[in-house]
Amino acid sequence: MTEHPIEGLMKTTMNSLKEMVDVNTIIGDPVQSPDGLVIIPVSKICFGFASGGTEFSEIKSNKDSIDSNEKLPFGGGSGAGISVQPVGFIVVGNNQIKLLTVDEGNTALSSLFDFMGKITDNIQEAISKDKTDKNKSTNIENKDGSIH
């Protein structure tokens, strides 16, 4: 079975979109600043496409029959649109990670980074507290003041 013309239109549209959008469009290439900070741009991408078409036929009298092998003319088209909007920048350095948002209305991603930072701090505190508690339990004083 041969490929329908609309399939060719859709494949061409999707291949063009694939060439335009890749992971580096969403999470950009890192840039190192002179003071050692690494800045990573983050963007939001929206895209859509549509394809459509029709096959034309001639009106024939009852006496004439349409040949089943006759190729009918096809008319169709496709289109696509894409929008790239900057969301913010991930700034890494000085033993911390921060998200600087472009739009204050976009707080979900910022909240996630803040939450992850707090979890990391809590885990580090728990680990250092556990080490301190182990050191205290191994250093037991005798009645005479000596430690063993």
Protein backbone atom coordinates (compact mmCIF):
# COMPACT_ATOMS: atom_id res chain seq x y z
CA MET A 1 0.00 0.00 0.00
CA THR A 2 1.39 3.38 -0.98
CA GLU A 3 1.81 6.24 1.45
CA HIS A 4 -1.05 8.74 1.50
CA PRO A 5 0.01 12.34 0.71
CA ILE A 6 -1.16 13.56 4.14
CA GLU A 7 1.36 11.20 5.77
CA GLY A 8 4.16 12.88 3.84
CA LEU A 9 2.96 16.31 4.98
CA MET A 10 2.84 15.20 8.62
CA LYS A 11 6.28 13.57 8.49
CA THR A 12 7.81 16.71 6.96
CA THR A 13 6.20 18.90 9.64
CA MET A 14 7.31 16.65 12.52
CA ASN A 15 10.88 16.38 11.17
CA SER A 16 11.08 20.17 10.91
CA LEU A 17 9.87 20.54 14.50
CA LYS A 18 12.39 17.92 15.66
CA GLU A 19 15.21 19.91 14.04
CA MET A 20 14.09 23.15 15.73
CA VAL A 21 13.58 21.83 19.26
CA ASP A 22 16.09 19.82 21.26
CA VAL A 23 16.99 19.51 24.92
CA ASN A 24 19.48 22.40 24.64
CA THR A 25 16.58 24.68 23.76
CA ILE A 26 14.85 23.97 27.09
CA ILE A 27 17.92 23.70 29.33
CA GLY A 28 20.52 25.92 27.65
CA ASP A 29 24.26 25.50 27.51
CA PRO A 30 25.98 26.48 30.78
CA VAL A 31 27.95 29.73 30.84
CA GLN A 32 30.75 30.33 33.34
CA SER A 33 31.08 33.85 34.70
CA PRO A 34 34.47 35.39 35.59
CA ASP A 35 33.76 34.98 39.33
CA GLY A 36 33.30 31.21 38.95
CA LEU A 37 29.51 30.99 38.93
CA VAL A 38 27.89 28.70 36.37
CA ILE A 39 24.70 30.10 34.82
CA ILE A 40 22.27 27.76 33.03
CA PRO A 41 19.32 29.28 31.12
CA VAL A 42 15.92 27.56 31.40
CA SER A 43 13.14 28.10 28.86
CA LYS A 44 9.56 26.99 28.31
CA ILE A 45 8.63 25.73 24.87
CA CYS A 46 5.13 25.39 23.42
CA PHE A 47 4.48 24.05 19.97
CA GLY A 48 1.66 22.73 17.87
CA PHE A 49 1.01 21.59 14.38
CA ALA A 50 -1.89 20.78 12.11
CA SER A 51 -2.21 18.92 8.85
CA GLY A 52 -5.17 18.39 6.62
CA GLY A 53 -6.20 17.60 3.11
CA THR A 54 -8.81 16.32 0.74
CA GLU A 55 -9.02 14.19 -2.36
CA PHE A 56 -10.92 15.65 -5.30
CA SER A 57 -13.04 13.67 -7.70
CA GLU A 58 -14.74 14.46 -10.92
CA ILE A 59 -18.50 14.13 -11.25
CA LYS A 60 -19.17 11.48 -13.87
CA SER A 61 -22.41 10.41 -15.47
CA ASN A 62 -23.97 7.08 -14.59
CA LYS A 63 -22.76 5.65 -17.91
CA ASP A 64 -19.14 6.33 -16.99
CA SER A 65 -17.60 4.30 -14.23
CA ILE A 66 -14.69 5.44 -12.07
CA ASP A 67 -11.65 3.29 -12.60
CA SER A 68 -10.56 1.89 -9.22
CA ASN A 69 -6.90 2.38 -10.19
CA GLU A 70 -7.45 6.03 -11.11
CA LYS A 71 -5.40 8.39 -8.92
CA LEU A 72 -7.55 11.22 -7.57
CA PRO A 73 -6.00 14.67 -7.16
CA PHE A 74 -5.03 15.66 -3.62
CA GLY A 75 -4.97 19.06 -1.99
CA GLY A 76 -3.57 19.60 1.46
CA GLY A 77 -1.35 21.58 3.74
CA SER A 78 0.31 21.62 7.08
CA GLY A 79 1.59 24.23 9.48
CA ALA A 80 3.37 24.54 12.77
CA GLY A 81 3.96 27.15 15.40
CA ILE A 82 6.51 27.35 18.19
CA SER A 83 6.99 29.64 21.16
CA VAL A 84 10.14 29.83 23.29
CA GLN A 85 9.86 31.82 26.53
CA PRO A 86 12.66 32.27 29.06
CA VAL A 87 11.69 31.03 32.53
CA GLY A 88 14.83 31.81 34.49
CA PHE A 89 18.43 30.96 35.18
CA ILE A 90 19.95 28.29 37.42
CA VAL A 91 22.98 29.80 39.15
CA VAL A 92 25.48 27.32 40.64
CA GLY A 93 28.41 28.39 42.78
CA ASN A 94 29.57 29.38 46.25
CA ASN A 95 28.29 26.01 47.57
CA GLN A 96 24.68 26.77 46.61
CA ILE A 97 22.19 26.47 43.78
CA LYS A 98 19.67 29.24 43.09
CA LEU A 99 16.94 29.74 40.53
CA LEU A 100 16.54 33.32 39.37
CA THR A 101 13.16 33.57 37.68
CA VAL A 102 12.42 35.97 34.87
CA ASP A 103 8.74 36.24 35.82
CA GLU A 104 7.69 36.47 39.46
CA GLY A 105 4.45 34.68 38.53
CA ASN A 106 6.42 31.50 37.90
CA THR A 107 7.01 30.42 41.48
CA ALA A 108 6.49 26.65 41.19
CA LEU A 109 9.96 25.93 39.84
CA SER A 110 11.54 28.38 42.26
CA SER A 111 9.71 26.75 45.18
CA LEU A 112 10.96 23.35 44.06
CA PHE A 113 14.58 24.52 44.07
CA ASP A 114 14.15 26.16 47.48
CA PHE A 115 12.59 22.97 48.84
CA MET A 116 15.42 20.83 47.45
CA GLY A 117 17.95 23.18 49.05
CA LYS A 118 16.24 22.85 52.43
CA ILE A 119 16.14 19.06 52.15
CA THR A 120 19.85 19.00 51.32
CA ASP A 121 20.62 21.21 54.34
CA ASN A 122 18.51 18.98 56.63
CA ILE A 123 20.26 15.83 55.41
CA GLN A 124 23.69 17.39 55.95
CA GLU A 125 22.70 18.51 59.47
CA ALA A 126 21.39 15.03 60.31
CA ILE A 127 24.59 13.38 59.08
CA SER A 128 26.84 15.75 61.05
CA LYS A 129 24.64 15.37 64.17
CA ASP A 130 24.83 11.58 63.86
CA LYS A 131 28.63 11.74 63.63
CA THR A 132 28.78 14.04 66.67
CA ASP A 133 26.52 11.70 68.69
CA LYS A 134 28.71 8.70 67.77
CA ASN A 135 31.86 10.57 68.87
CA LYS A 136 30.25 11.50 72.20
CA SER A 137 29.11 7.92 72.87
CA THR A 138 32.64 6.54 72.29
CA ASN A 139 34.23 9.09 74.66
CA ILE A 140 32.90 7.90 78.07
CA GLU A 141 34.43 9.44 81.19
CA ASN A 142 35.62 7.35 84.10
CA LYS A 143 34.90 8.37 87.69
CA ASP A 144 38.43 9.70 87.97
CA GLY A 145 37.89 12.04 84.94
CA SER A 146 39.89 10.05 82.43
CA ILE A 147 38.33 9.28 79.04
CA HIS A 148 38.38 5.82 77.49
